[in-house]
C-alpha atoms as a PDB file:
ATOM      1  CA  MET A   1       7.338  91.268  41.407  1.00  0.00           C
ATOM      2  CA  THR A   2       7.931  87.569  40.793  1.00  0.00           C
ATOM      3  CA  LYS A   3       4.750  85.523  40.519  1.00  0.00           C
ATOM      4  CA  LYS A   4       4.368  82.974  43.282  1.00  0.00           C
ATOM      5  CA  VAL A   5       3.848  79.477  41.948  1.00  0.00           C
ATOM      6  CA  ARG A   6       0.948  77.369  43.245  1.00  0.00           C
ATOM      7  CA  LEU A   7       0.672  73.624  43.101  1.00  0.00           C
ATOM      8  CA  GLU A   8      -2.355  74.238  40.891  1.00  0.00           C
ATOM      9  CA  ASP A   9      -0.040  75.834  38.282  1.00  0.00           C
ATOM     10  CA  ILE A  10       2.248  72.795  38.300  1.00  0.00           C
ATOM     11  CA  ALA A  11      -0.721  70.401  38.132  1.00  0.00           C
ATOM     12  CA  LEU A  12      -2.150  72.255  35.133  1.00  0.00           C
ATOM     13  CA  GLU A  13       1.051  71.935  33.106  1.00  0.00           C
ATOM     14  CA  ALA A  14       1.649  68.335  34.190  1.00  0.00           C
ATOM     15  CA  GLY A  15      -1.927  67.296  33.418  1.00  0.00           C
ATOM     16  CA  VAL A  16      -2.407  65.714  36.850  1.00  0.00           C
ATOM     17  CA  SER A  17      -4.326  66.544  40.024  1.00  0.00           C
ATOM     18  CA  ILE A  18      -3.110  68.841  42.799  1.00  0.00           C
ATOM     19  CA  ALA A  19      -3.001  65.773  45.048  1.00  0.00           C
ATOM     20  CA  THR A  20      -0.605  64.006  42.649  1.00  0.00           C
ATOM     21  CA  VAL A  21       1.667  67.055  42.535  1.00  0.00           C
ATOM     22  CA  SER A  22       1.652  67.236  46.323  1.00  0.00           C
ATOM     23  CA  ARG A  23       2.534  63.551  46.644  1.00  0.00           C
ATOM     24  CA  ALA A  24       5.287  63.833  44.026  1.00  0.00           C
ATOM     25  CA  LEU A  25       6.917  66.841  45.706  1.00  0.00           C
ATOM     26  CA  SER A  26       6.907  65.018  49.042  1.00  0.00           C
ATOM     27  CA  ASP A  27       8.473  61.947  47.366  1.00  0.00           C
ATOM     28  CA  ASN A  28       5.448  59.758  48.103  1.00  0.00           C
ATOM     29  CA  PRO A  29       5.960  56.179  46.828  1.00  0.00           C
ATOM     30  CA  ALA A  30       2.386  56.152  45.489  1.00  0.00           C
ATOM     31  CA  VAL A  31       3.632  58.233  42.534  1.00  0.00           C
ATOM     32  CA  SER A  32       5.816  56.571  39.924  1.00  0.00           C
ATOM     33  CA  ASP A  33       9.419  57.721  39.572  1.00  0.00           C
ATOM     34  CA  LYS A  34       8.774  58.813  36.003  1.00  0.00           C
ATOM     35  CA  THR A  35       5.858  61.042  37.046  1.00  0.00           C
ATOM     36  CA  LYS A  36       7.830  62.420  39.993  1.00  0.00           C
ATOM     37  CA  ARG A  37      10.744  63.430  37.778  1.00  0.00           C
ATOM     38  CA  ARG A  38       8.407  65.134  35.310  1.00  0.00           C
ATOM     39  CA  ILE A  39       6.656  67.067  38.080  1.00  0.00           C
ATOM     40  CA  TRP A  40       9.972  68.013  39.721  1.00  0.00           C
ATOM     41  CA  ASP A  41      11.243  69.343  36.381  1.00  0.00           C
ATOM     42  CA  ILE A  42       8.087  71.429  35.886  1.00  0.00           C
ATOM     43  CA  ALA A  43       8.303  72.720  39.458  1.00  0.00           C
ATOM     44  CA  ARG A  44      11.909  73.808  38.986  1.00  0.00           C
ATOM     45  CA  ARG A  45      11.158  75.440  35.630  1.00  0.00           C
ATOM     46  CA  GLN A  46       8.232  77.383  37.076  1.00  0.00           C
ATOM     47  CA  GLY A  47      10.349  78.520  39.994  1.00  0.00           C
ATOM     48  CA  TYR A  48       8.638  76.581  42.772  1.00  0.00           C
ATOM     49  CA  ASN A  49      10.799  76.252  45.867  1.00  0.00           C
ATOM     50  CA  ILE A  50      11.404  72.511  46.215  1.00  0.00           C
ATOM     51  CA  ARG A  51      13.690  72.273  49.212  1.00  0.00           C
ATOM     52  CA  SER A  52      11.541  69.426  50.562  1.00  0.00           C
ATOM     53  CA  LEU A  53      12.603  67.076  47.765  1.00  0.00           C
ATOM     54  CA  PRO A  54      14.895  64.145  48.561  1.00  0.00           C
ATOM     55  CA  GLY A  55      18.219  65.485  49.814  1.00  0.00           C
ATOM     56  CA  GLY A  56      16.673  68.836  50.757  1.00  0.00           C
ATOM     57  CA  GLY A  57      14.172  67.913  53.439  1.00  0.00           C
ATOM     58  CA  ALA A  58      13.455  69.641  56.705  1.00  0.00           C
ATOM     59  CA  SER A  59      16.167  69.569  59.342  1.00  0.00           C
ATOM     60  CA  ALA A  60      15.723  67.630  62.543  1.00  0.00           C
ATOM     61  CA  ALA A  61      15.217  70.950  64.369  1.00  0.00           C
ATOM     62  CA  THR A  62      12.272  72.011  62.191  1.00  0.00           C
ATOM     63  CA  THR A  63       9.072  72.337  64.210  1.00  0.00           C
ATOM     64  CA  LEU A  64       5.711  73.721  63.126  1.00  0.00           C
ATOM     65  CA  SER A  65       3.153  75.127  65.543  1.00  0.00           C
ATOM     66  CA  VAL A  66      -0.581  74.521  65.035  1.00  0.00           C
ATOM     67  CA  ILE A  67      -3.006  77.004  66.551  1.00  0.00           C
ATOM     68  CA  VAL A  68      -6.786  76.657  66.679  1.00  0.00           C
ATOM     69  CA  PRO A  69      -8.357  80.062  67.458  1.00  0.00           C
ATOM     70  CA  LYS A  70     -11.508  79.510  69.512  1.00  0.00           C
ATOM     71  CA  PRO A  71     -14.515  81.548  68.353  1.00  0.00           C
ATOM     72  CA  GLN A  72     -16.043  83.530  71.186  1.00  0.00           C
ATOM     73  CA  GLY A  73     -18.602  81.497  73.105  1.00  0.00           C
ATOM     74  CA  ARG A  74     -17.518  78.220  71.495  1.00  0.00           C
ATOM     75  CA  ASP A  75     -16.067  75.556  73.793  1.00  0.00           C
ATOM     76  CA  GLY A  76     -14.780  72.098  72.949  1.00  0.00           C
ATOM     77  CA  TRP A  77     -13.302  73.241  69.648  1.00  0.00           C
ATOM     78  CA  MET A  78     -10.431  70.766  69.833  1.00  0.00           C
ATOM     79  CA  LEU A  79     -12.876  67.892  70.350  1.00  0.00           C
ATOM     80  CA  ASP A  80     -14.550  68.536  66.992  1.00  0.00           C
ATOM     81  CA  PRO A  81     -14.001  65.427  64.779  1.00  0.00           C
ATOM     82  CA  PHE A  82     -13.360  67.671  61.782  1.00  0.00           C
ATOM     83  CA  PHE A  83     -10.393  69.373  63.427  1.00  0.00           C
ATOM     84  CA  GLN A  84      -9.093  66.081  64.760  1.00  0.00           C
ATOM     85  CA  GLU A  85      -9.015  64.687  61.211  1.00  0.00           C
ATOM     86  CA  LEU A  86      -7.369  67.847  59.886  1.00  0.00           C
ATOM     87  CA  LEU A  87      -4.734  67.611  62.627  1.00  0.00           C
ATOM     88  CA  GLY A  88      -4.177  64.008  61.572  1.00  0.00           C
ATOM     89  CA  GLY A  89      -3.502  65.146  57.996  1.00  0.00           C
ATOM     90  CA  ILE A  90      -0.988  67.713  59.250  1.00  0.00           C
ATOM     91  CA  GLY A  91       0.682  65.122  61.473  1.00  0.00           C
ATOM     92  CA  GLU A  92       1.072  62.592  58.672  1.00  0.00           C
ATOM     93  CA  ALA A  93       2.546  65.249  56.396  1.00  0.00           C
ATOM     94  CA  ALA A  94       4.961  66.462  59.066  1.00  0.00           C
ATOM     95  CA  ARG A  95       6.158  62.936  59.721  1.00  0.00           C
ATOM     96  CA  SER A  96       6.667  62.165  56.033  1.00  0.00           C
ATOM     97  CA  LEU A  97       8.639  65.395  55.599  1.00  0.00           C
ATOM     98  CA  GLN A  98      10.717  64.713  58.722  1.00  0.00           C
ATOM     99  CA  CYS A  99       9.655  67.629  60.867  1.00  0.00           C
ATOM    100  CA  ASP A 100       7.873  67.888  64.208  1.00  0.00           C
ATOM    101  CA  TYR A 101       4.685  69.746  65.034  1.00  0.00           C
ATOM    102  CA  ILE A 102       3.074  70.900  68.224  1.00  0.00           C
ATOM    103  CA  VAL A 103      -0.524  71.884  68.942  1.00  0.00           C
ATOM    104  CA  SER A 104      -0.368  75.130  70.884  1.00  0.00           C
ATOM    105  CA  HIS A 105      -2.684  75.998  73.760  1.00  0.00           C
ATOM    106  CA  ALA A 106      -2.622  79.655  72.613  1.00  0.00           C
ATOM    107  CA  ASP A 107      -6.040  81.242  72.080  1.00  0.00           C
ATOM    108  CA  PRO A 108      -5.525  84.560  70.226  1.00  0.00           C
ATOM    109  CA  GLN A 109      -8.580  86.805  70.364  1.00  0.00           C
ATOM    110  CA  ASN A 110      -7.250  90.068  68.926  1.00  0.00           C
ATOM    111  CA  PHE A 111      -4.371  91.591  66.954  1.00  0.00           C
ATOM    112  CA  ASP A 112      -2.161  92.117  70.000  1.00  0.00           C
ATOM    113  CA  ASP A 113      -2.549  88.432  70.927  1.00  0.00           C
ATOM    114  CA  LEU A 114      -1.588  87.397  67.395  1.00  0.00           C
ATOM    115  CA  SER A 115       1.347  89.775  67.204  1.00  0.00           C
ATOM    116  CA  ARG A 116       2.788  88.611  70.548  1.00  0.00           C
ATOM    117  CA  LEU A 117       2.273  85.015  69.483  1.00  0.00           C
ATOM    118  CA  LEU A 118       4.290  85.435  66.283  1.00  0.00           C
ATOM    119  CA  ASP A 119       6.956  87.509  68.047  1.00  0.00           C
ATOM    120  CA  SER A 120       7.532  84.902  70.759  1.00  0.00           C
ATOM    121  CA  SER A 121       7.160  81.679  68.789  1.00  0.00           C
ATOM    122  CA  ARG A 122      10.233  79.496  68.381  1.00  0.00           C
ATOM    123  CA  ALA A 123       8.584  77.420  65.636  1.00  0.00           C
ATOM    124  CA  SER A 124       9.744  77.418  62.023  1.00  0.00           C
ATOM    125  CA  GLY A 125       6.213  78.272  60.915  1.00  0.00           C
ATOM    126  CA  ILE A 126       2.644  78.506  62.199  1.00  0.00           C
ATOM    127  CA  ILE A 127      -0.554  76.909  60.916  1.00  0.00           C
ATOM    128  CA  PHE A 128      -3.812  78.571  61.955  1.00  0.00           C
ATOM    129  CA  LEU A 129      -6.800  76.258  61.692  1.00  0.00           C
ATOM    130  CA  GLY A 130      -9.519  78.700  60.736  1.00  0.00           C
ATOM    131  CA  GLN A 131      -9.520  82.465  60.293  1.00  0.00           C
ATOM    132  CA  SER A 132     -13.116  83.292  61.320  1.00  0.00           C
ATOM    133  CA  PHE A 133     -13.170  86.557  63.310  1.00  0.00           C
ATOM    134  CA  LEU A 134      -9.370  86.952  62.946  1.00  0.00           C
ATOM    135  CA  HIS A 135      -9.425  87.585  59.186  1.00  0.00           C
ATOM    136  CA  GLU A 136      -8.685  91.320  59.251  1.00  0.00           C
ATOM    137  CA  ARG A 137      -6.147  90.873  62.056  1.00  0.00           C
ATOM    138  CA  LEU A 138      -4.301  88.195  60.085  1.00  0.00           C
ATOM    139  CA  ASN A 139      -4.168  90.585  57.128  1.00  0.00           C
ATOM    140  CA  ARG A 140      -2.343  93.100  59.330  1.00  0.00           C
ATOM    141  CA  LEU A 141       0.326  90.491  60.105  1.00  0.00           C
ATOM    142  CA  VAL A 142       1.355  90.054  56.471  1.00  0.00           C
ATOM    143  CA  GLY A 143       5.043  90.925  56.274  1.00  0.00           C
ATOM    144  CA  HIS A 144       5.856  89.665  59.762  1.00  0.00           C
ATOM    145  CA  PRO A 145       9.104  87.665  59.680  1.00  0.00           C
ATOM    146  CA  MET A 146       7.374  84.576  61.111  1.00  0.00           C
ATOM    147  CA  LYS A 147       5.915  82.398  58.335  1.00  0.00           C
ATOM    148  CA  PHE A 148       2.270  81.419  58.789  1.00  0.00           C
ATOM    149  CA  ILE A 149      -0.508  79.863  56.749  1.00  0.00           C
ATOM    150  CA  VAL A 150      -4.223  79.480  57.422  1.00  0.00           C
ATOM    151  CA  TRP A 151      -6.727  76.683  56.869  1.00  0.00           C
ATOM    152  CA  GLY A 152      -9.791  78.321  55.347  1.00  0.00           C
ATOM    153  CA  GLY A 153     -11.388  79.527  52.133  1.00  0.00           C
ATOM    154  CA  GLU A 154     -10.088  82.646  50.426  1.00  0.00           C
ATOM    155  CA  LEU A 155     -12.000  85.730  51.573  1.00  0.00           C
ATOM    156  CA  PRO A 156     -12.428  89.124  49.857  1.00  0.00           C
ATOM    157  CA  GLY A 157      -9.411  91.339  50.376  1.00  0.00           C
ATOM    158  CA  GLN A 158      -7.310  88.511  51.793  1.00  0.00           C
ATOM    159  CA  GLU A 159      -3.573  89.155  51.764  1.00  0.00           C
ATOM    160  CA  TYR A 160      -2.264  86.150  53.725  1.00  0.00           C
ATOM    161  CA  ALA A 161      -1.896  82.652  52.259  1.00  0.00           C
ATOM    162  CA  SER A 162      -4.514  80.000  52.962  1.00  0.00           C
ATOM    163  CA  VAL A 163      -5.395  76.473  51.962  1.00  0.00           C
ATOM    164  CA  GLY A 164      -9.107  75.734  51.820  1.00  0.00           C
ATOM    165  CA  SER A 165     -11.886  74.099  49.884  1.00  0.00           C
ATOM    166  CA  ASP A 166     -14.154  75.567  47.250  1.00  0.00           C
ATOM    167  CA  ASN A 167     -16.969  76.447  49.636  1.00  0.00           C
ATOM    168  CA  PRO A 168     -19.320  78.142  47.146  1.00  0.00           C
ATOM    169  CA  ARG A 169     -19.164  75.143  44.827  1.00  0.00           C
ATOM    170  CA  GLY A 170     -19.661  72.752  47.730  1.00  0.00           C
ATOM    171  CA  GLY A 171     -22.824  74.537  48.837  1.00  0.00           C
ATOM    172  CA  GLU A 172     -24.042  74.660  45.255  1.00  0.00           C
ATOM    173  CA  MET A 173     -23.474  70.936  44.717  1.00  0.00           C
ATOM    174  CA  ALA A 174     -25.425  70.065  47.855  1.00  0.00           C
ATOM    175  CA  ALA A 175     -28.465  72.169  46.957  1.00  0.00           C
ATOM    176  CA  ALA A 176     -28.393  71.177  43.276  1.00  0.00           C
ATOM    177  CA  HIS A 177     -28.425  67.516  44.235  1.00  0.00           C
ATOM    178  CA  LEU A 178     -31.543  67.996  46.344  1.00  0.00           C
ATOM    179  CA  ALA A 179     -33.250  70.051  43.644  1.00  0.00           C
ATOM    180  CA  ARG A 180     -32.581  67.323  41.080  1.00  0.00           C
ATOM    181  CA  LEU A 181     -34.255  64.870  43.444  1.00  0.00           C
ATOM    182  CA  GLY A 182     -37.398  66.977  43.304  1.00  0.00           C
ATOM    183  CA  ARG A 183     -36.998  68.676  46.673  1.00  0.00           C
ATOM    184  CA  THR A 184     -38.407  72.196  46.503  1.00  0.00           C
ATOM    185  CA  LYS A 185     -38.487  73.501  50.092  1.00  0.00           C
ATOM    186  CA  ILE A 186     -34.861  73.279  51.128  1.00  0.00           C
ATOM    187  CA  ALA A 187     -33.611  74.617  54.471  1.00  0.00           C
ATOM    188  CA  PHE A 188     -30.060  75.732  55.288  1.00  0.00           C
ATOM    189  CA  PHE A 189     -28.558  75.104  58.732  1.00  0.00           C
ATOM    190  CA  GLY A 190     -25.371  77.003  59.586  1.00  0.00           C
ATOM    191  CA  ASP A 191     -24.138  80.311  60.978  1.00  0.00           C
ATOM    192  CA  THR A 192     -24.035  82.517  57.882  1.00  0.00           C
ATOM    193  CA  ASN A 193     -22.158  85.206  59.829  1.00  0.00           C
ATOM    194  CA  ALA A 194     -19.093  82.953  59.706  1.00  0.00           C
ATOM    195  CA  PRO A 195     -17.154  83.730  56.482  1.00  0.00           C
ATOM    196  CA  GLU A 196     -16.738  80.170  55.194  1.00  0.00           C
ATOM    197  CA  ILE A 197     -20.311  79.189  56.048  1.00  0.00           C
ATOM    198  CA  ASN A 198     -21.551  82.258  54.228  1.00  0.00           C
ATOM    199  CA  GLN A 199     -19.621  81.101  51.145  1.00  0.00           C
ATOM    200  CA  ARG A 200     -21.439  77.748  51.328  1.00  0.00           C
ATOM    201  CA  TYR A 201     -24.742  79.559  51.777  1.00  0.00           C
ATOM    202  CA  GLN A 202     -24.119  81.750  48.705  1.00  0.00           C
ATOM    203  CA  GLY A 203     -23.484  78.598  46.647  1.00  0.00           C
ATOM    204  CA  PHE A 204     -26.701  77.131  48.108  1.00  0.00           C
ATOM    205  CA  ARG A 205     -28.670  80.208  46.992  1.00  0.00           C
ATOM    206  CA  ARG A 206     -27.111  80.116  43.531  1.00  0.00           C
ATOM    207  CA  ALA A 207     -28.233  76.513  43.019  1.00  0.00           C
ATOM    208  CA  LEU A 208     -31.795  77.221  44.163  1.00  0.00           C
ATOM    209  CA  GLU A 209     -32.091  80.162  41.809  1.00  0.00           C
ATOM    210  CA  ARG A 210     -30.672  78.106  38.952  1.00  0.00           C
ATOM    211  CA  PHE A 211     -33.439  75.543  39.480  1.00  0.00           C
ATOM    212  CA  GLY A 212     -36.159  78.197  39.675  1.00  0.00           C
ATOM    213  CA  LEU A 213     -36.550  77.930  43.466  1.00  0.00           C
ATOM    214  CA  THR A 214     -36.854  80.982  45.701  1.00  0.00           C
ATOM    215  CA  PRO A 215     -34.602  80.964  48.791  1.00  0.00           C
ATOM    216  CA  ASP A 216     -36.813  81.277  51.878  1.00  0.00           C
ATOM    217  CA  PRO A 217     -35.219  83.275  54.752  1.00  0.00           C
ATOM    218  CA  ASP A 218     -37.539  81.466  57.181  1.00  0.00           C
ATOM    219  CA  LEU A 219     -35.723  78.215  56.316  1.00  0.00           C
ATOM    220  CA  VAL A 220     -32.273  79.536  57.261  1.00  0.00           C
ATOM    221  CA  PHE A 221     -31.210  78.614  60.809  1.00  0.00           C
ATOM    222  CA  PRO A 222     -27.905  79.730  62.453  1.00  0.00           C
ATOM    223  CA  ALA A 223     -26.978  76.330  63.896  1.00  0.00           C
ATOM    224  CA  HIS A 224     -23.453  76.078  65.303  1.00  0.00           C
ATOM    225  CA  PHE A 225     -21.029  73.187  64.818  1.00  0.00           C
ATOM    226  CA  GLU A 226     -22.595  71.151  67.591  1.00  0.00           C
ATOM    227  CA  ILE A 227     -25.054  68.275  67.501  1.00  0.00           C
ATOM    228  CA  GLU A 228     -27.183  69.726  70.299  1.00  0.00           C
ATOM    229  CA  SER A 229     -27.349  73.184  68.720  1.00  0.00           C
ATOM    230  CA  ALA A 230     -28.450  71.732  65.389  1.00  0.00           C
ATOM    231  CA  ALA A 231     -31.048  69.472  67.026  1.00  0.00           C
ATOM    232  CA  ASN A 232     -32.512  72.424  68.923  1.00  0.00           C
ATOM    233  CA  SER A 233     -32.693  74.453  65.716  1.00  0.00           C
ATOM    234  CA  MET A 234     -34.531  71.624  63.970  1.00  0.00           C
ATOM    235  CA  HIS A 235     -37.006  71.286  66.851  1.00  0.00           C
ATOM    236  CA  SER A 236     -37.600  75.038  66.558  1.00  0.00           C
ATOM    237  CA  LEU A 237     -38.202  74.820  62.799  1.00  0.00           C
ATOM    238  CA  ILE A 238     -40.717  71.988  63.210  1.00  0.00           C
ATOM    239  CA  SER A 239     -42.531  73.780  66.043  1.00  0.00           C
ATOM    240  CA  ARG A 240     -43.150  76.759  63.756  1.00  0.00           C
ATOM    241  CA  GLY A 241     -45.112  74.566  61.373  1.00  0.00           C
ATOM    242  CA  LYS A 242     -42.978  75.625  58.417  1.00  0.00           C
ATOM    243  CA  ASP A 243     -43.092  73.180  55.523  1.00  0.00           C
ATOM    244  CA  PHE A 244     -39.752  71.790  54.280  1.00  0.00           C
ATOM    245  CA  ASP A 245     -38.576  68.622  52.556  1.00  0.00           C
ATOM    246  CA  ALA A 246     -34.754  68.849  52.635  1.00  0.00           C
ATOM    247  CA  VAL A 247     -31.883  70.360  54.608  1.00  0.00           C
ATOM    248  CA  VAL A 248     -28.388  71.442  53.562  1.00  0.00           C
ATOM    249  CA  CYS A 249     -26.142  71.503  56.644  1.00  0.00           C
ATOM    250  CA  ALA A 250     -22.922  73.499  56.930  1.00  0.00           C
ATOM    251  CA  SER A 251     -21.159  70.579  58.653  1.00  0.00           C
ATOM    252  CA  ASP A 252     -21.619  66.876  59.310  1.00  0.00           C
ATOM    253  CA  LEU A 253     -22.054  67.502  63.046  1.00  0.00           C
ATOM    254  CA  ILE A 254     -24.947  69.834  62.243  1.00  0.00           C
ATOM    255  CA  ALA A 255     -26.416  67.180  59.929  1.00  0.00           C
ATOM    256  CA  ILE A 256     -26.187  64.524  62.662  1.00  0.00           C
ATOM    257  CA  GLY A 257     -28.090  66.816  65.036  1.00  0.00           C
ATOM    258  CA  VAL A 258     -30.700  67.527  62.365  1.00  0.00           C
ATOM    259  CA  ILE A 259     -31.270  63.824  61.669  1.00  0.00           C
ATOM    260  CA  ARG A 260     -31.489  63.086  65.381  1.00  0.00           C
ATOM    261  CA  ALA A 261     -34.188  65.735  65.875  1.00  0.00           C
ATOM    262  CA  LEU A 262     -36.126  64.586  62.800  1.00  0.00           C
ATOM    263  CA  HIS A 263     -36.204  61.026  64.151  1.00  0.00           C
ATOM    264  CA  GLN A 264     -37.374  62.300  67.535  1.00  0.00           C
ATOM    265  CA  GLN A 265     -40.194  64.161  65.805  1.00  0.00           C
ATOM    266  CA  GLY A 266     -41.288  61.026  63.957  1.00  0.00           C
ATOM    267  CA  ARG A 267     -40.023  62.115  60.525  1.00  0.00           C
ATOM    268  CA  THR A 268     -38.095  59.749  58.297  1.00  0.00           C
ATOM    269  CA  VAL A 269     -34.819  60.421  56.527  1.00  0.00           C
ATOM    270  CA  PRO A 270     -34.775  60.404  53.540  1.00  0.00           C
ATOM    271  CA  GLY A 271     -38.492  59.557  53.160  1.00  0.00           C
ATOM    272  CA  ASP A 272     -39.886  62.792  54.607  1.00  0.00           C
ATOM    273  CA  VAL A 273     -36.737  64.898  54.587  1.00  0.00           C
ATOM    274  CA  SER A 274     -33.466  64.559  52.668  1.00  0.00           C
ATOM    275  CA  VAL A 275     -30.320  65.720  54.472  1.00  0.00           C
ATOM    276  CA  VAL A 276     -26.872  66.698  53.140  1.00  0.00           C
ATOM    277  CA  GLY A 277     -23.880  67.430  55.387  1.00  0.00           C
ATOM    278  CA  TYR A 278     -20.477  68.982  54.770  1.00  0.00           C
ATOM    279  CA  ASP A 279     -16.915  67.707  55.550  1.00  0.00           C
ATOM    280  CA  ASP A 280     -17.219  63.894  55.254  1.00  0.00           C
ATOM    281  CA  ILE A 281     -15.873  63.141  58.710  1.00  0.00           C
ATOM    282  CA  GLN A 282     -15.533  59.400  59.378  1.00  0.00           C
ATOM    283  CA  LEU A 283     -18.607  59.385  61.618  1.00  0.00           C
ATOM    284  CA  ALA A 284     -20.755  60.392  58.616  1.00  0.00           C
ATOM    285  CA  ARG A 285     -20.484  56.859  57.212  1.00  0.00           C
ATOM    286  CA  TYR A 286     -21.797  55.172  60.328  1.00  0.00           C
ATOM    287  CA  ILE A 287     -24.861  57.134  61.421  1.00  0.00           C
ATOM    288  CA  ASP A 288     -28.373  55.966  60.515  1.00  0.00           C
ATOM    289  CA  PRO A 289     -28.887  56.583  57.679  1.00  0.00           C
ATOM    290  CA  PRO A 290     -25.320  57.052  56.386  1.00  0.00           C
ATOM    291  CA  LEU A 291     -24.888  60.698  55.486  1.00  0.00           C
ATOM    292  CA  THR A 292     -24.686  62.200  52.020  1.00  0.00           C
ATOM    293  CA  THR A 293     -22.115  64.958  52.372  1.00  0.00           C
ATOM    294  CA  VAL A 294     -19.717  67.332  50.634  1.00  0.00           C
ATOM    295  CA  GLY A 295     -16.215  65.936  51.087  1.00  0.00           C
ATOM    296  CA  GLN A 296     -13.051  67.913  51.747  1.00  0.00           C
ATOM    297  CA  ASP A 297      -9.667  66.239  51.308  1.00  0.00           C
ATOM    298  CA  LEU A 298      -8.186  66.900  54.742  1.00  0.00           C
ATOM    299  CA  THR A 299      -5.135  64.713  54.141  1.00  0.00           C
ATOM    300  CA  LEU A 300      -4.229  66.780  51.093  1.00  0.00           C
ATOM    301  CA  ALA A 301      -4.988  70.009  52.945  1.00  0.00           C
ATOM    302  CA  GLY A 302      -2.629  69.051  55.779  1.00  0.00           C
ATOM    303  CA  ARG A 303       0.122  68.087  53.344  1.00  0.00           C
ATOM    304  CA  LEU A 304      -0.191  71.350  51.405  1.00  0.00           C
ATOM    305  CA  MET A 305      -0.004  73.553  54.496  1.00  0.00           C
ATOM    306  CA  VAL A 306       3.070  71.746  55.792  1.00  0.00           C
ATOM    307  CA  MET A 307       4.794  71.751  52.394  1.00  0.00           C
ATOM    308  CA  LYS A 308       4.108  75.434  51.791  1.00  0.00           C
ATOM    309  CA  LEU A 309       5.644  76.413  55.118  1.00  0.00           C
ATOM    310  CA  LEU A 310       8.696  74.199  54.600  1.00  0.00           C
ATOM    311  CA  ASN A 311       9.216  75.279  50.989  1.00  0.00           C
ATOM    312  CA  ALA A 312       8.718  79.027  51.479  1.00  0.00           C
ATOM    313  CA  SER A 313      11.924  81.050  51.596  1.00  0.00           C
ATOM    314  CA  GLY A 314      10.123  83.723  53.614  1.00  0.00           C
ATOM    315  CA  PRO A 315       6.701  84.839  54.870  1.00  0.00           C
ATOM    316  CA  ASP A 316       5.747  86.328  51.498  1.00  0.00           C
ATOM    317  CA  ASP A 317       6.736  83.267  49.458  1.00  0.00           C
ATOM    318  CA  MET A 318       3.373  81.462  49.526  1.00  0.00           C
ATOM    319  CA  ARG A 319       0.174  81.485  47.488  1.00  0.00           C
ATOM    320  CA  SER A 320      -3.287  80.367  48.475  1.00  0.00           C
ATOM    321  CA  GLU A 321      -4.746  77.106  47.176  1.00  0.00           C
ATOM    322  CA  ARG A 322      -8.410  76.272  46.684  1.00  0.00           C
ATOM    323  CA  LEU A 323      -9.097  72.532  46.764  1.00  0.00           C
ATOM    324  CA  PRO A 324     -11.980  70.861  44.923  1.00  0.00           C
ATOM    325  CA  THR A 325     -14.969  69.488  46.805  1.00  0.00           C
ATOM    326  CA  GLU A 326     -16.884  66.306  46.016  1.00  0.00           C
ATOM    327  CA  LEU A 327     -20.469  65.242  46.666  1.00  0.00           C
ATOM    328  CA  ILE A 328     -20.334  61.864  48.392  1.00  0.00           C
ATOM    329  CA  GLN A 329     -23.679  60.107  48.193  1.00  0.00           C
ATOM    330  CA  ARG A 330     -24.988  57.778  50.818  1.00  0.00           C
ATOM    331  CA  ASP A 331     -28.493  57.031  52.063  1.00  0.00           C
ATOM    332  CA  SER A 332     -29.671  60.272  53.674  1.00  0.00           C
ATOM    333  CA  CYS A 333     -30.951  61.627  50.356  1.00  0.00           C
ATOM    334  CA  GLY A 334     -32.332  58.427  48.819  1.00  0.00           C
ATOM    335  CA  ALA A 335     -30.394  58.618  45.531  1.00  0.00           C
ATOM    336  CA  SER A 336     -27.273  57.009  44.124  1.00  0.00           C
ATOM    337  CA  THR A 337     -26.100  59.071  41.154  1.00  0.00           C
ATOM    338  CA  LEU A 338     -23.305  61.601  41.403  1.00  0.00           C
ATOM    339  CA  VAL A 339     -24.003  65.268  40.718  1.00  0.00           C
ATOM    340  CA  ASP A 340     -21.724  66.958  38.211  1.00  0.00           C
ATOM    341  CA  LEU A 341     -22.100  70.708  37.866  1.00  0.00           C
ATOM    342  CA  GLY A 342     -19.726  70.786  34.926  1.00  0.00           C
ATOM    343  CA  GLY A 343     -18.493  74.293  34.339  1.00  0.00           C
ATOM    344  CA  SER A 344     -21.448  75.992  35.995  1.00  0.00           C
END
């Protein structure tokens, strides 16, 4: 079986970042012609399908469909700033590669829904924003003639292609940063039953253990991706009288709710409690205090998903990509030095 080539493989040989490879293969003017030619040569030699290069772009009839499965009991999913920014990244990539995209109203909840959706779609490919409870069902669709790719971290036993961030490392960076600041009673806010959030939580635990801190199950709260849910969880934690001095949040919206509740309870951030979010949505820069967070490159993620669908010769001609995360420091932790975990 021929090995599928990832952008990571091309980046490694070229000695550049995945983002630079992605820009070069989409003929972005931000990359010099010399670098583009070198990356194109490496891509061809490694066997990467480069039909989206100049002269081989998408046809005017090419349309991609974007589907956002709604977790049960979760409304307003499309209003989430994170998904709006991810959709923006997909839209910019589609425009630059001369194809259209539509955001579908479909809300698949089981395998039959997914199967009918792929059978009836007239799109050239489908992007699912999040796998969540559909993970096993998406696995069963591998081999379907309709090409699809998923935004989300790689999960155990995954057979479909996905583009996602390094969630375990992101969670580890957040907790390690707080531990280096001398915080010792660190809470985690996020629904650890969700696969990607659990990956962040496992990285969180790994960092605590590395710094000689014992994870406290009483400081783990299943807040959902909503400001109100997170605020209520923080009010509940404070009412229990449990001592804590920092919080790692599984999303920026959760972090905003946490900070709001802390202020309402008369606690200062970062004086009494340091807070770290996850995603780096634009709103994170403008709350009070500006939020320290784990950044995901949503523009790059959108470009990769679009390129993989356009470049794939068939549904099995794609490999998953894991994108690096970055700790972006602002004022909610009270420190200004970047955390580098090195090879740990």
